Amino acid sequence: MTISFILQISAAVLAGAALATFLLPGKVKVTRSAVVAASPAEVIAMASSTEGYQRFNPYKATDPNLKIIPFGPASGTGSGFHFEGKEGKGSQTVASVTADKVTYAIDLGPMGQPTQSIAVRPVSNGTEVTWSMEADMGLHPIFRVFGLFMDRMMGAVFTRGLSNIANA
């Protein structure tokens, strides 16, 4: 074998791997649910308020130096906060609020702009709270590979947040 042949084979393998990433899903959705002993209205009020959100923010327990800088109104559409911590920096803005759902626009700069929501549904022993995230991984091959691990990573964050809501 010549070095030229080995380089051609290596280039073909790398090109094939890069092309294979386009077979991976371009959109990712992560969802976790839990039942909490609070009314749907209480959960929505807490989730749609910057101060209320900080009562269950799942990143606060894992990052004691997390910086939170509120902006906009105290609650409702347009309220939000900038954050900077060991897991990144960006902003979270309440995009919409209904009686059963709060939707957030997240801006992580070059890492993307996922959408998250906290939805509520009354059940016999409290409120079922569902925390979801949807993200478009685009055409970037590394982001698409990263998307394969999103459920495991964000699922743990959402589970911690739901536990915090239950204890708030």
N, C-alpha and C. Protein backbone atom coordinates (compact mmCIF):
# COMPACT_ATOMS: atom_id res chain seq x y z
N MET A 1 0.83 -1.18 0.00
CA MET A 1 0.00 0.00 0.00
C MET A 1 0.88 1.24 0.00
N THR A 2 0.43 2.18 -0.77
CA THR A 2 1.18 3.44 -0.82
C THR A 2 0.51 4.45 0.12
N ILE A 3 1.27 5.46 0.44
CA ILE A 3 0.73 6.52 1.31
C ILE A 3 -0.43 7.21 0.61
N SER A 4 -0.35 7.38 -0.67
CA SER A 4 -1.43 8.01 -1.43
C SER A 4 -2.72 7.21 -1.30
N PHE A 5 -2.62 5.89 -1.41
CA PHE A 5 -3.81 5.03 -1.29
C PHE A 5 -4.41 5.13 0.11
N ILE A 6 -3.56 5.13 1.12
CA ILE A 6 -4.03 5.22 2.51
C ILE A 6 -4.72 6.56 2.74
N LEU A 7 -4.15 7.63 2.18
CA LEU A 7 -4.77 8.95 2.31
C LEU A 7 -6.13 9.00 1.60
N GLN A 8 -6.23 8.37 0.44
CA GLN A 8 -7.50 8.33 -0.30
C GLN A 8 -8.57 7.56 0.49
N ILE A 9 -8.17 6.44 1.07
CA ILE A 9 -9.11 5.65 1.88
C ILE A 9 -9.54 6.44 3.11
N SER A 10 -8.59 7.09 3.76
CA SER A 10 -8.91 7.90 4.95
C SER A 10 -9.86 9.03 4.60
N ALA A 11 -9.61 9.70 3.48
CA ALA A 11 -10.48 10.79 3.04
C ALA A 11 -11.88 10.27 2.74
N ALA A 12 -11.97 9.10 2.12
CA ALA A 12 -13.27 8.51 1.79
C ALA A 12 -14.03 8.15 3.07
N VAL A 13 -13.34 7.61 4.06
CA VAL A 13 -13.98 7.24 5.33
C VAL A 13 -14.48 8.50 6.03
N LEU A 14 -13.66 9.54 6.08
CA LEU A 14 -14.08 10.79 6.72
C LEU A 14 -15.26 11.42 5.99
N ALA A 15 -15.24 11.42 4.68
CA ALA A 15 -16.35 11.97 3.90
C ALA A 15 -17.61 11.15 4.15
N GLY A 16 -17.48 9.84 4.21
CA GLY A 16 -18.65 8.98 4.48
C GLY A 16 -19.22 9.23 5.86
N ALA A 17 -18.34 9.42 6.85
CA ALA A 17 -18.81 9.71 8.22
C ALA A 17 -19.53 11.04 8.26
N ALA A 18 -18.99 12.05 7.57
CA ALA A 18 -19.64 13.36 7.56
C ALA A 18 -21.00 13.28 6.87
N LEU A 19 -21.08 12.56 5.78
CA LEU A 19 -22.36 12.41 5.07
C LEU A 19 -23.36 11.62 5.91
N ALA A 20 -22.88 10.66 6.68
CA ALA A 20 -23.77 9.84 7.52
C ALA A 20 -24.47 10.68 8.57
N THR A 21 -23.85 11.78 9.00
CA THR A 21 -24.50 12.62 10.02
C THR A 21 -25.80 13.23 9.50
N PHE A 22 -25.93 13.36 8.19
CA PHE A 22 -27.16 13.91 7.62
C PHE A 22 -28.32 12.93 7.72
N LEU A 23 -28.02 11.67 8.07
CA LEU A 23 -29.07 10.68 8.29
C LEU A 23 -29.61 10.76 9.72
N LEU A 24 -28.88 11.47 10.58
CA LEU A 24 -29.33 11.65 11.97
C LEU A 24 -30.46 12.66 12.01
N PRO A 25 -31.33 12.59 13.03
CA PRO A 25 -32.44 13.54 13.13
C PRO A 25 -31.95 14.98 13.21
N GLY A 26 -32.64 15.86 12.52
CA GLY A 26 -32.31 17.27 12.56
C GLY A 26 -33.02 18.00 13.68
N LYS A 27 -34.09 17.41 14.18
CA LYS A 27 -34.85 18.02 15.27
C LYS A 27 -34.86 17.06 16.45
N VAL A 28 -34.77 17.64 17.65
CA VAL A 28 -34.72 16.86 18.88
C VAL A 28 -35.82 17.34 19.80
N LYS A 29 -36.48 16.40 20.47
CA LYS A 29 -37.48 16.76 21.48
C LYS A 29 -37.20 15.94 22.74
N VAL A 30 -37.20 16.63 23.86
CA VAL A 30 -36.99 15.99 25.16
C VAL A 30 -38.19 16.34 26.03
N THR A 31 -38.77 15.36 26.71
CA THR A 31 -39.94 15.59 27.56
C THR A 31 -39.83 14.76 28.83
N ARG A 32 -40.17 15.38 29.95
CA ARG A 32 -40.27 14.69 31.23
C ARG A 32 -41.52 15.21 31.94
N SER A 33 -42.16 14.35 32.72
CA SER A 33 -43.38 14.73 33.45
C SER A 33 -43.31 14.23 34.88
N ALA A 34 -44.04 14.93 35.75
CA ALA A 34 -44.16 14.53 37.15
C ALA A 34 -45.46 15.11 37.69
N VAL A 35 -45.99 14.48 38.71
CA VAL A 35 -47.18 15.00 39.39
C VAL A 35 -46.72 15.73 40.64
N VAL A 36 -47.23 16.95 40.82
CA VAL A 36 -46.86 17.77 41.97
C VAL A 36 -48.12 18.13 42.75
N ALA A 37 -47.96 18.40 44.04
CA ALA A 37 -49.08 18.76 44.90
C ALA A 37 -49.27 20.27 44.91
N ALA A 38 -49.63 20.80 43.75
CA ALA A 38 -49.91 22.23 43.61
C ALA A 38 -50.97 22.36 42.53
N SER A 39 -51.67 23.46 42.53
CA SER A 39 -52.70 23.66 41.50
C SER A 39 -52.03 24.05 40.18
N PRO A 40 -52.70 23.80 39.06
CA PRO A 40 -52.15 24.25 37.78
C PRO A 40 -51.86 25.75 37.78
N ALA A 41 -52.76 26.55 38.36
CA ALA A 41 -52.56 28.00 38.38
C ALA A 41 -51.30 28.38 39.16
N GLU A 42 -51.03 27.69 40.27
CA GLU A 42 -49.82 27.98 41.05
C GLU A 42 -48.56 27.68 40.25
N VAL A 43 -48.56 26.56 39.53
CA VAL A 43 -47.39 26.19 38.74
C VAL A 43 -47.18 27.20 37.60
N ILE A 44 -48.27 27.57 36.92
CA ILE A 44 -48.17 28.53 35.82
C ILE A 44 -47.68 29.88 36.33
N ALA A 45 -48.19 30.32 37.47
CA ALA A 45 -47.76 31.61 38.04
C ALA A 45 -46.26 31.58 38.36
N MET A 46 -45.81 30.48 38.93
CA MET A 46 -44.39 30.37 39.28
C MET A 46 -43.54 30.30 38.00
N ALA A 47 -43.97 29.51 37.03
CA ALA A 47 -43.18 29.29 35.80
C ALA A 47 -43.14 30.52 34.90
N SER A 48 -44.13 31.39 35.00
CA SER A 48 -44.17 32.56 34.12
C SER A 48 -43.54 33.81 34.75
N SER A 49 -42.95 33.64 35.92
CA SER A 49 -42.31 34.74 36.64
C SER A 49 -40.81 34.46 36.74
N THR A 50 -40.00 35.47 36.47
CA THR A 50 -38.55 35.28 36.58
C THR A 50 -38.17 34.88 38.01
N GLU A 51 -38.73 35.56 38.99
CA GLU A 51 -38.45 35.22 40.39
C GLU A 51 -38.97 33.82 40.72
N GLY A 52 -40.17 33.51 40.25
CA GLY A 52 -40.74 32.19 40.50
C GLY A 52 -39.91 31.09 39.86
N TYR A 53 -39.44 31.33 38.64
CA TYR A 53 -38.63 30.33 37.95
C TYR A 53 -37.37 30.01 38.75
N GLN A 54 -36.80 31.02 39.37
CA GLN A 54 -35.57 30.80 40.14
C GLN A 54 -35.80 29.89 41.34
N ARG A 55 -37.05 29.77 41.78
CA ARG A 55 -37.37 28.86 42.90
C ARG A 55 -37.18 27.40 42.50
N PHE A 56 -37.26 27.10 41.19
CA PHE A 56 -37.09 25.71 40.77
C PHE A 56 -36.03 25.54 39.68
N ASN A 57 -35.29 26.59 39.37
CA ASN A 57 -34.26 26.54 38.33
C ASN A 57 -33.34 25.34 38.58
N PRO A 58 -33.32 24.37 37.67
CA PRO A 58 -32.55 23.15 37.90
C PRO A 58 -31.04 23.34 37.88
N TYR A 59 -30.56 24.45 37.38
CA TYR A 59 -29.12 24.68 37.31
C TYR A 59 -28.55 25.29 38.58
N LYS A 60 -29.39 25.87 39.41
CA LYS A 60 -28.89 26.56 40.62
C LYS A 60 -28.23 25.60 41.59
N ALA A 61 -28.75 24.38 41.71
CA ALA A 61 -28.18 23.42 42.66
C ALA A 61 -26.82 22.90 42.21
N THR A 62 -26.60 22.84 40.91
CA THR A 62 -25.34 22.30 40.39
C THR A 62 -24.31 23.38 40.11
N ASP A 63 -24.72 24.64 40.17
CA ASP A 63 -23.80 25.75 39.90
C ASP A 63 -24.07 26.88 40.88
N PRO A 64 -23.44 26.84 42.05
CA PRO A 64 -23.68 27.88 43.05
C PRO A 64 -23.25 29.27 42.61
N ASN A 65 -22.42 29.37 41.57
CA ASN A 65 -21.96 30.66 41.07
C ASN A 65 -22.75 31.12 39.85
N LEU A 66 -23.87 30.49 39.56
CA LEU A 66 -24.70 30.85 38.42
C LEU A 66 -25.17 32.30 38.56
N LYS A 67 -24.89 33.10 37.52
CA LYS A 67 -25.31 34.50 37.53
C LYS A 67 -26.64 34.62 36.79
N ILE A 68 -27.60 35.26 37.43
CA ILE A 68 -28.93 35.50 36.86
C ILE A 68 -29.16 37.01 36.85
N ILE A 69 -29.46 37.55 35.67
CA ILE A 69 -29.75 38.99 35.55
C ILE A 69 -31.13 39.13 34.90
N PRO A 70 -32.15 39.47 35.70
CA PRO A 70 -33.51 39.60 35.16
C PRO A 70 -33.64 40.77 34.19
N PHE A 71 -34.61 40.66 33.27
CA PHE A 71 -34.95 41.77 32.38
C PHE A 71 -36.44 41.70 32.08
N GLY A 72 -36.97 42.79 31.56
CA GLY A 72 -38.38 42.84 31.19
C GLY A 72 -39.29 42.91 32.40
N PRO A 73 -40.59 42.66 32.18
CA PRO A 73 -41.52 42.69 33.31
C PRO A 73 -41.22 41.56 34.30
N ALA A 74 -41.77 41.66 35.49
CA ALA A 74 -41.52 40.66 36.53
C ALA A 74 -42.09 39.30 36.16
N SER A 75 -43.19 39.30 35.40
CA SER A 75 -43.79 38.02 34.99
C SER A 75 -44.55 38.23 33.69
N GLY A 76 -44.90 37.11 33.08
CA GLY A 76 -45.66 37.15 31.84
C GLY A 76 -44.78 37.25 30.61
N THR A 77 -45.43 37.39 29.47
CA THR A 77 -44.72 37.47 28.20
C THR A 77 -43.71 38.61 28.22
N GLY A 78 -42.49 38.30 27.80
CA GLY A 78 -41.42 39.30 27.76
C GLY A 78 -40.53 39.29 28.99
N SER A 79 -40.97 38.65 30.07
CA SER A 79 -40.09 38.57 31.24
C SER A 79 -39.02 37.52 30.97
N GLY A 80 -37.90 37.69 31.62
CA GLY A 80 -36.84 36.72 31.41
C GLY A 80 -35.59 37.07 32.16
N PHE A 81 -34.52 36.38 31.82
CA PHE A 81 -33.25 36.60 32.48
C PHE A 81 -32.09 36.15 31.59
N HIS A 82 -30.97 36.82 31.79
CA HIS A 82 -29.72 36.40 31.19
C HIS A 82 -29.06 35.50 32.23
N PHE A 83 -28.33 34.50 31.76
CA PHE A 83 -27.64 33.61 32.69
C PHE A 83 -26.22 33.37 32.19
N GLU A 84 -25.35 33.11 33.15
CA GLU A 84 -23.97 32.75 32.84
C GLU A 84 -23.48 31.85 33.96
N GLY A 85 -23.01 30.68 33.58
CA GLY A 85 -22.53 29.72 34.55
C GLY A 85 -21.64 28.69 33.92
N LYS A 86 -21.34 27.66 34.69
CA LYS A 86 -20.39 26.66 34.21
C LYS A 86 -20.94 25.86 33.03
N GLU A 87 -22.25 25.86 32.82
CA GLU A 87 -22.83 25.11 31.70
C GLU A 87 -23.15 25.98 30.50
N GLY A 88 -22.77 27.26 30.56
CA GLY A 88 -22.96 28.12 29.41
C GLY A 88 -23.58 29.45 29.78
N LYS A 89 -23.84 30.23 28.73
CA LYS A 89 -24.47 31.53 28.95
C LYS A 89 -25.48 31.77 27.85
N GLY A 90 -26.44 32.63 28.16
CA GLY A 90 -27.49 32.94 27.20
C GLY A 90 -28.62 33.68 27.87
N SER A 91 -29.82 33.52 27.31
CA SER A 91 -30.99 34.16 27.89
C SER A 91 -32.20 33.26 27.75
N GLN A 92 -33.15 33.48 28.62
CA GLN A 92 -34.43 32.77 28.60
C GLN A 92 -35.52 33.81 28.72
N THR A 93 -36.46 33.80 27.77
CA THR A 93 -37.55 34.77 27.74
C THR A 93 -38.88 34.04 27.68
N VAL A 94 -39.84 34.49 28.48
CA VAL A 94 -41.19 33.93 28.39
C VAL A 94 -41.79 34.42 27.07
N ALA A 95 -42.05 33.46 26.19
CA ALA A 95 -42.58 33.79 24.85
C ALA A 95 -44.10 33.84 24.86
N SER A 96 -44.73 33.00 25.68
CA SER A 96 -46.20 33.01 25.78
C SER A 96 -46.64 32.33 27.06
N VAL A 97 -47.81 32.75 27.53
CA VAL A 97 -48.40 32.17 28.74
C VAL A 97 -49.89 31.95 28.48
N THR A 98 -50.34 30.72 28.74
CA THR A 98 -51.77 30.41 28.71
C THR A 98 -52.12 29.79 30.05
N ALA A 99 -53.36 29.43 30.24
CA ALA A 99 -53.78 28.84 31.51
C ALA A 99 -53.12 27.50 31.77
N ASP A 100 -52.65 26.85 30.70
CA ASP A 100 -52.08 25.52 30.89
C ASP A 100 -50.65 25.35 30.35
N LYS A 101 -50.00 26.46 29.96
CA LYS A 101 -48.66 26.30 29.41
C LYS A 101 -47.88 27.62 29.40
N VAL A 102 -46.59 27.51 29.74
CA VAL A 102 -45.65 28.62 29.60
C VAL A 102 -44.60 28.17 28.59
N THR A 103 -44.36 29.00 27.58
CA THR A 103 -43.36 28.68 26.56
C THR A 103 -42.22 29.68 26.67
N TYR A 104 -40.99 29.15 26.59
CA TYR A 104 -39.79 29.97 26.72
C TYR A 104 -38.99 29.94 25.43
N ALA A 105 -38.46 31.08 25.05
CA ALA A 105 -37.48 31.18 23.97
C ALA A 105 -36.11 31.24 24.63
N ILE A 106 -35.27 30.29 24.30
CA ILE A 106 -33.93 30.22 24.86
C ILE A 106 -32.95 30.67 23.78
N ASP A 107 -32.00 31.49 24.14
CA ASP A 107 -30.97 31.91 23.19
C ASP A 107 -29.61 31.54 23.77
N LEU A 108 -28.97 30.57 23.15
CA LEU A 108 -27.66 30.11 23.59
C LEU A 108 -26.56 30.58 22.64
N GLY A 109 -26.84 31.64 21.89
CA GLY A 109 -25.86 32.15 20.94
C GLY A 109 -25.57 31.12 19.86
N PRO A 110 -24.29 30.84 19.59
CA PRO A 110 -23.95 29.90 18.52
C PRO A 110 -24.38 28.46 18.80
N MET A 111 -24.75 28.17 20.05
CA MET A 111 -25.19 26.82 20.39
C MET A 111 -26.65 26.56 20.03
N GLY A 112 -27.40 27.58 19.66
CA GLY A 112 -28.76 27.38 19.18
C GLY A 112 -29.81 28.15 19.95
N GLN A 113 -31.03 28.01 19.49
CA GLN A 113 -32.18 28.68 20.08
C GLN A 113 -33.32 27.67 20.30
N PRO A 114 -33.18 26.80 21.28
CA PRO A 114 -34.25 25.84 21.54
C PRO A 114 -35.48 26.54 22.15
N THR A 115 -36.59 25.85 22.11
CA THR A 115 -37.82 26.30 22.74
C THR A 115 -38.14 25.32 23.86
N GLN A 116 -38.48 25.84 25.03
CA GLN A 116 -38.90 24.99 26.14
C GLN A 116 -40.29 25.37 26.55
N SER A 117 -40.99 24.43 27.17
CA SER A 117 -42.31 24.74 27.70
C SER A 117 -42.55 23.93 28.97
N ILE A 118 -43.37 24.52 29.82
CA ILE A 118 -43.86 23.83 31.01
C ILE A 118 -45.37 23.85 30.89
N ALA A 119 -45.95 22.66 30.76
CA ALA A 119 -47.40 22.52 30.60
C ALA A 119 -47.97 21.84 31.84
N VAL A 120 -49.21 22.18 32.16
CA VAL A 120 -49.86 21.61 33.34
C VAL A 120 -51.20 20.98 32.95
N ARG A 121 -51.56 19.96 33.73
CA ARG A 121 -52.84 19.29 33.54
C ARG A 121 -53.31 18.81 34.90
N PRO A 122 -54.53 19.20 35.30
CA PRO A 122 -55.01 18.74 36.61
C PRO A 122 -55.22 17.22 36.61
N VAL A 123 -54.81 16.59 37.67
CA VAL A 123 -55.04 15.16 37.88
C VAL A 123 -55.59 15.00 39.29
N SER A 124 -56.06 13.81 39.60
CA SER A 124 -56.76 13.60 40.88
C SER A 124 -55.92 13.91 42.10
N ASN A 125 -54.61 13.71 42.02
CA ASN A 125 -53.77 13.94 43.20
C ASN A 125 -52.85 15.16 43.05
N GLY A 126 -53.24 16.12 42.22
CA GLY A 126 -52.44 17.34 42.06
C GLY A 126 -52.43 17.82 40.63
N THR A 127 -51.25 18.11 40.13
CA THR A 127 -51.08 18.63 38.77
C THR A 127 -49.96 17.86 38.08
N GLU A 128 -50.25 17.37 36.91
CA GLU A 128 -49.19 16.78 36.09
C GLU A 128 -48.48 17.92 35.38
N VAL A 129 -47.18 18.01 35.60
CA VAL A 129 -46.35 19.05 34.98
C VAL A 129 -45.46 18.37 33.95
N THR A 130 -45.49 18.87 32.73
CA THR A 130 -44.66 18.32 31.65
C THR A 130 -43.71 19.41 31.17
N TRP A 131 -42.42 19.11 31.25
CA TRP A 131 -41.37 20.03 30.82
C TRP A 131 -40.81 19.48 29.52
N SER A 132 -40.85 20.29 28.47
CA SER A 132 -40.40 19.85 27.15
C SER A 132 -39.43 20.85 26.54
N MET A 133 -38.60 20.33 25.65
CA MET A 133 -37.69 21.16 24.88
C MET A 133 -37.67 20.64 23.45
N GLU A 134 -37.69 21.57 22.51
CA GLU A 134 -37.52 21.22 21.11
C GLU A 134 -36.36 22.04 20.57
N ALA A 135 -35.49 21.38 19.79
CA ALA A 135 -34.33 22.07 19.23
C ALA A 135 -34.11 21.60 17.80
N ASP A 136 -33.75 22.54 16.96
CA ASP A 136 -33.38 22.24 15.59
C ASP A 136 -31.86 22.17 15.55
N MET A 137 -31.32 21.01 15.24
CA MET A 137 -29.89 20.81 15.24
C MET A 137 -29.24 21.29 13.93
N GLY A 138 -30.06 21.73 13.00
CA GLY A 138 -29.56 22.26 11.74
C GLY A 138 -28.81 21.23 10.93
N LEU A 139 -27.94 21.68 10.07
CA LEU A 139 -27.17 20.80 9.20
C LEU A 139 -25.76 20.55 9.71
N HIS A 140 -25.39 21.18 10.81
CA HIS A 140 -24.05 21.03 11.36
C HIS A 140 -23.85 19.59 11.84
N PRO A 141 -22.87 18.87 11.31
CA PRO A 141 -22.71 17.45 11.67
C PRO A 141 -22.45 17.23 13.16
N ILE A 142 -21.67 18.11 13.80
CA ILE A 142 -21.38 17.91 15.22
C ILE A 142 -22.64 18.12 16.06
N PHE A 143 -23.47 19.12 15.71
CA PHE A 143 -24.71 19.35 16.45
C PHE A 143 -25.64 18.15 16.30
N ARG A 144 -25.69 17.55 15.10
CA ARG A 144 -26.56 16.39 14.90
C ARG A 144 -26.11 15.20 15.75
N VAL A 145 -24.82 15.00 15.86
CA VAL A 145 -24.31 13.93 16.73
C VAL A 145 -24.63 14.27 18.18
N PHE A 146 -24.43 15.52 18.56
CA PHE A 146 -24.74 15.99 19.91
C PHE A 146 -26.22 15.73 20.23
N GLY A 147 -27.09 15.87 19.23
CA GLY A 147 -28.52 15.63 19.41
C GLY A 147 -28.85 14.23 19.88
N LEU A 148 -27.98 13.27 19.57
CA LEU A 148 -28.21 11.89 20.01
C LEU A 148 -28.17 11.76 21.53
N PHE A 149 -27.47 12.67 22.19
CA PHE A 149 -27.28 12.60 23.65
C PHE A 149 -28.17 13.59 24.39
N MET A 150 -28.96 14.35 23.66
CA MET A 150 -29.76 15.42 24.26
C MET A 150 -30.79 14.88 25.27
N ASP A 151 -31.44 13.78 24.95
CA ASP A 151 -32.46 13.26 25.87
C ASP A 151 -31.85 12.90 27.22
N ARG A 152 -30.72 12.25 27.20
CA ARG A 152 -30.08 11.85 28.46
C ARG A 152 -29.64 13.08 29.25
N MET A 153 -29.03 14.05 28.56
CA MET A 153 -28.52 15.24 29.26
C MET A 153 -29.64 16.13 29.77
N MET A 154 -30.53 16.55 28.89
CA MET A 154 -31.59 17.47 29.29
C MET A 154 -32.66 16.78 30.11
N GLY A 155 -32.87 15.49 29.88
CA GLY A 155 -33.85 14.76 30.68
C GLY A 155 -33.52 14.80 32.15
N ALA A 156 -32.25 14.67 32.48
CA ALA A 156 -31.82 14.73 33.88
C ALA A 156 -32.05 16.14 34.45
N VAL A 157 -31.81 17.16 33.65
CA VAL A 157 -32.03 18.54 34.08
C VAL A 157 -33.51 18.77 34.35
N PHE A 158 -34.37 18.31 33.43
CA PHE A 158 -35.82 18.50 33.59
C PHE A 158 -36.35 17.72 34.79
N THR A 159 -35.84 16.52 35.01
CA THR A 159 -36.25 15.73 36.17
C THR A 159 -35.90 16.46 37.46
N ARG A 160 -34.71 17.05 37.52
CA ARG A 160 -34.29 17.83 38.70
C ARG A 160 -35.20 19.05 38.86
N GLY A 161 -35.51 19.73 37.77
CA GLY A 161 -36.40 20.89 37.83
C GLY A 161 -37.79 20.53 38.29
N LEU A 162 -38.32 19.40 37.81
CA LEU A 162 -39.66 18.96 38.24
C LEU A 162 -39.66 18.63 39.71
N SER A 163 -38.59 18.03 40.20
CA SER A 163 -38.48 17.75 41.63
C SER A 163 -38.45 19.06 42.42
N ASN A 164 -37.76 20.07 41.87
CA ASN A 164 -37.71 21.37 42.53
C ASN A 164 -39.09 22.02 42.56
N ILE A 165 -39.86 21.87 41.49
CA ILE A 165 -41.22 22.42 41.47
C ILE A 165 -42.05 21.74 42.55
N ALA A 166 -41.92 20.44 42.68
CA ALA A 166 -42.67 19.70 43.70
C ALA A 166 -42.34 20.16 45.11
N ASN A 167 -41.11 20.62 45.30
CA ASN A 167 -40.65 21.03 46.63
C ASN A 167 -40.71 22.54 46.86
N ALA A 168 -41.13 23.29 45.84
CA ALA A 168 -41.13 24.77 45.95
C ALA A 168 -42.27 25.26 46.82
